[in-house]
C-alpha cells in the first residue's frame, strides 16, 4: 500500500516538475530572443 501511494504521488510531481522545467526553458528562449 505504501509503495502504491508513493508511486501515485510521485507521478504527478514528476509531471509537474517536467512541465515547469519546459515552461522555464521556453520563457528563457523568449526572453533571450
PDB file of N, CA and C in Angstrom:
ATOM      1  N   UNK A   1       0.841  -1.208   0.000  1.00  0.00           N
ATOM      2  CA  UNK A   1       0.000   0.000   0.000  1.00  0.00           C
ATOM      3  C   UNK A   1       0.878   1.262   0.000  1.00  0.00           C
ATOM      4  N   UNK A   2       1.920   1.215   0.795  1.00  0.00           N
ATOM      5  CA  UNK A   2       2.810   2.372   0.866  1.00  0.00           C
ATOM      6  C   UNK A   2       3.458   2.621  -0.489  1.00  0.00           C
ATOM      7  N   UNK A   3       3.858   1.527  -1.139  1.00  0.00           N
ATOM      8  CA  UNK A   3       4.517   1.647  -2.436  1.00  0.00           C
ATOM      9  C   UNK A   3       3.550   2.257  -3.457  1.00  0.00           C
ATOM     10  N   UNK A   4       2.307   1.800  -3.419  1.00  0.00           N
ATOM     11  CA  UNK A   4       1.318   2.319  -4.378  1.00  0.00           C
ATOM     12  C   UNK A   4       1.113   3.824  -4.170  1.00  0.00           C
ATOM     13  N   UNK A   5       0.983   4.221  -2.908  1.00  0.00           N
ATOM     14  CA  UNK A   5       0.773   5.636  -2.614  1.00  0.00           C
ATOM     15  C   UNK A   5       1.949   6.476  -3.082  1.00  0.00           C
ATOM     16  N   UNK A   6       3.154   5.974  -2.849  1.00  0.00           N
ATOM     17  CA  UNK A   6       4.355   6.713  -3.250  1.00  0.00           C
ATOM     18  C   UNK A   6       4.389   6.860  -4.770  1.00  0.00           C
ATOM     19  N   UNK A   7       4.062   5.777  -5.473  1.00  0.00           N
ATOM     20  CA  UNK A   7       4.115   5.815  -6.943  1.00  0.00           C
ATOM     21  C   UNK A   7       3.056   6.770  -7.484  1.00  0.00           C
ATOM     22  N   UNK A   8       1.871   6.747  -6.873  1.00  0.00           N
ATOM     23  CA  UNK A   8       0.794   7.616  -7.355  1.00  0.00           C
ATOM     24  C   UNK A   8       1.102   9.069  -7.015  1.00  0.00           C
ATOM     25  N   UNK A   9       1.867   9.264  -5.942  1.00  0.00           N
ATOM     26  CA  UNK A   9       2.225  10.628  -5.536  1.00  0.00           C
ATOM     27  C   UNK A   9       3.416  11.134  -6.345  1.00  0.00           C
ATOM     28  N   UNK A  10       4.284  10.214  -6.739  1.00  0.00           N
ATOM     29  CA  UNK A  10       5.493  10.595  -7.475  1.00  0.00           C
ATOM     30  C   UNK A  10       5.155  11.018  -8.902  1.00  0.00           C
ATOM     31  N   UNK A  11       4.227  10.304  -9.525  1.00  0.00           N
ATOM     32  CA  UNK A  11       3.902  10.556 -10.937  1.00  0.00           C
ATOM     33  C   UNK A  11       3.519  12.018 -11.182  1.00  0.00           C
ATOM     34  N   UNK A  12       2.527  12.547 -10.474  1.00  0.00           N
ATOM     35  CA  UNK A  12       2.137  13.953 -10.714  1.00  0.00           C
ATOM     36  C   UNK A  12       3.272  14.927 -10.411  1.00  0.00           C
ATOM     37  N   UNK A  13       4.046  14.618  -9.394  1.00  0.00           N
ATOM     38  CA  UNK A  13       5.156  15.512  -9.030  1.00  0.00           C
ATOM     39  C   UNK A  13       6.163  15.571 -10.169  1.00  0.00           C
ATOM     40  N   UNK A  14       6.510  14.405 -10.705  1.00  0.00           N
ATOM     41  CA  UNK A  14       7.467  14.358 -11.816  1.00  0.00           C
ATOM     42  C   UNK A  14       6.896  15.089 -13.018  1.00  0.00           C
ATOM     43  N   UNK A  15       5.614  14.889 -13.281  1.00  0.00           N
ATOM     44  CA  UNK A  15       4.971  15.536 -14.427  1.00  0.00           C
ATOM     45  C   UNK A  15       4.986  17.050 -14.254  1.00  0.00           C
ATOM     46  N   UNK A  16       4.639  17.511 -13.052  1.00  0.00           N
ATOM     47  CA  UNK A  16       4.622  18.957 -12.796  1.00  0.00           C
ATOM     48  C   UNK A  16       6.026  19.530 -12.923  1.00  0.00           C
ATOM     49  N   UNK A  17       7.009  18.773 -12.421  1.00  0.00           N
ATOM     50  CA  UNK A  17       8.397  19.243 -12.492  1.00  0.00           C
ATOM     51  C   UNK A  17       8.840  19.376 -13.941  1.00  0.00           C
ATOM     52  N   UNK A  18       8.527  18.366 -14.747  1.00  0.00           N
ATOM     53  CA  UNK A  18       8.899  18.405 -16.155  1.00  0.00           C
ATOM     54  C   UNK A  18       8.202  19.553 -16.866  1.00  0.00           C
ATOM     55  N   UNK A  19       6.912  19.758 -16.549  1.00  0.00           N
ATOM     56  CA  UNK A  19       6.149  20.835 -17.183  1.00  0.00           C
ATOM     57  C   UNK A  19       6.733  22.195 -16.801  1.00  0.00           C
ATOM     58  N   UNK A  20       7.085  22.336 -15.527  1.00  0.00           N
ATOM     59  CA  UNK A  20       7.653  23.600 -15.051  1.00  0.00           C
ATOM     60  C   UNK A  20       8.994  23.869 -15.726  1.00  0.00           C
ATOM     61  N   UNK A  21       9.835  22.819 -15.843  1.00  0.00           N
ATOM     62  CA  UNK A  21      11.144  22.982 -16.482  1.00  0.00           C
ATOM     63  C   UNK A  21      10.968  23.374 -17.943  1.00  0.00           C
ATOM     64  N   UNK A  22      10.010  22.756 -18.627  1.00  0.00           N
ATOM     65  CA  UNK A  22       9.775  23.069 -20.040  1.00  0.00           C
ATOM     66  C   UNK A  22       9.301  24.514 -20.168  1.00  0.00           C
ATOM     67  N   UNK A  23       8.432  24.946 -19.261  1.00  0.00           N
ATOM     68  CA  UNK A  23       7.935  26.322 -19.288  1.00  0.00           C
ATOM     69  C   UNK A  23       9.084  27.303 -19.069  1.00  0.00           C
ATOM     70  N   UNK A  24       9.933  26.995 -18.094  1.00  0.00           N
ATOM     71  CA  UNK A  24      11.067  27.867 -17.788  1.00  0.00           C
ATOM     72  C   UNK A  24      11.996  27.959 -18.990  1.00  0.00           C
ATOM     73  N   UNK A  25      12.228  26.813 -19.636  1.00  0.00           N
ATOM     74  CA  UNK A  25      13.103  26.776 -20.807  1.00  0.00           C
ATOM     75  C   UNK A  25      12.533  27.652 -21.924  1.00  0.00           C
ATOM     76  N   UNK A  26      11.224  27.532 -22.171  1.00  0.00           N
ATOM     77  CA  UNK A  26      10.574  28.330 -23.215  1.00  0.00           C
ATOM     78  C   UNK A  26      10.634  29.813 -22.858  1.00  0.00           C
ATOM     79  N   UNK A  27      10.430  30.117 -21.582  1.00  0.00           N
ATOM     80  CA  UNK A  27      10.467  31.512 -21.145  1.00  0.00           C
ATOM     81  C   UNK A  27      11.852  32.099 -21.376  1.00  0.00           C
ATOM     82  N   UNK A  28      12.888  31.309 -21.078  1.00  0.00           N
ATOM     83  CA  UNK A  28      14.272  31.773 -21.276  1.00  0.00           C
ATOM     84  C   UNK A  28      14.528  32.058 -22.748  1.00  0.00           C
ATOM     85  N   UNK A  29      14.058  31.171 -23.619  1.00  0.00           N
ATOM     86  CA  UNK A  29      14.263  31.358 -25.064  1.00  0.00           C
ATOM     87  C   UNK A  29      13.554  32.633 -25.524  1.00  0.00           C
ATOM     88  N   UNK A  30      12.327  32.823 -25.070  1.00  0.00           N
ATOM     89  CA  UNK A  30      11.564  34.016 -25.475  1.00  0.00           C
ATOM     90  C   UNK A  30      12.269  35.272 -24.956  1.00  0.00           C
ATOM     91  N   UNK A  31      12.797  35.196 -23.726  1.00  0.00           N
ATOM     92  CA  UNK A  31      13.449  36.351 -23.119  1.00  0.00           C
ATOM     93  C   UNK A  31      14.729  36.708 -23.870  1.00  0.00           C
ATOM     94  N   UNK A  32      15.497  35.675 -24.262  1.00  0.00           N
ATOM     95  CA  UNK A  32      16.773  35.929 -24.938  1.00  0.00           C
ATOM     96  C   UNK A  32      16.560  36.400 -26.373  1.00  0.00           C
ATOM     97  N   UNK A  33      15.463  35.949 -26.992  1.00  0.00           N
ATOM     98  CA  UNK A  33      15.204  36.366 -28.372  1.00  0.00           C
ATOM     99  C   UNK A  33      14.198  37.504 -28.391  1.00  0.00           C
TER     100      UNK A  33
END
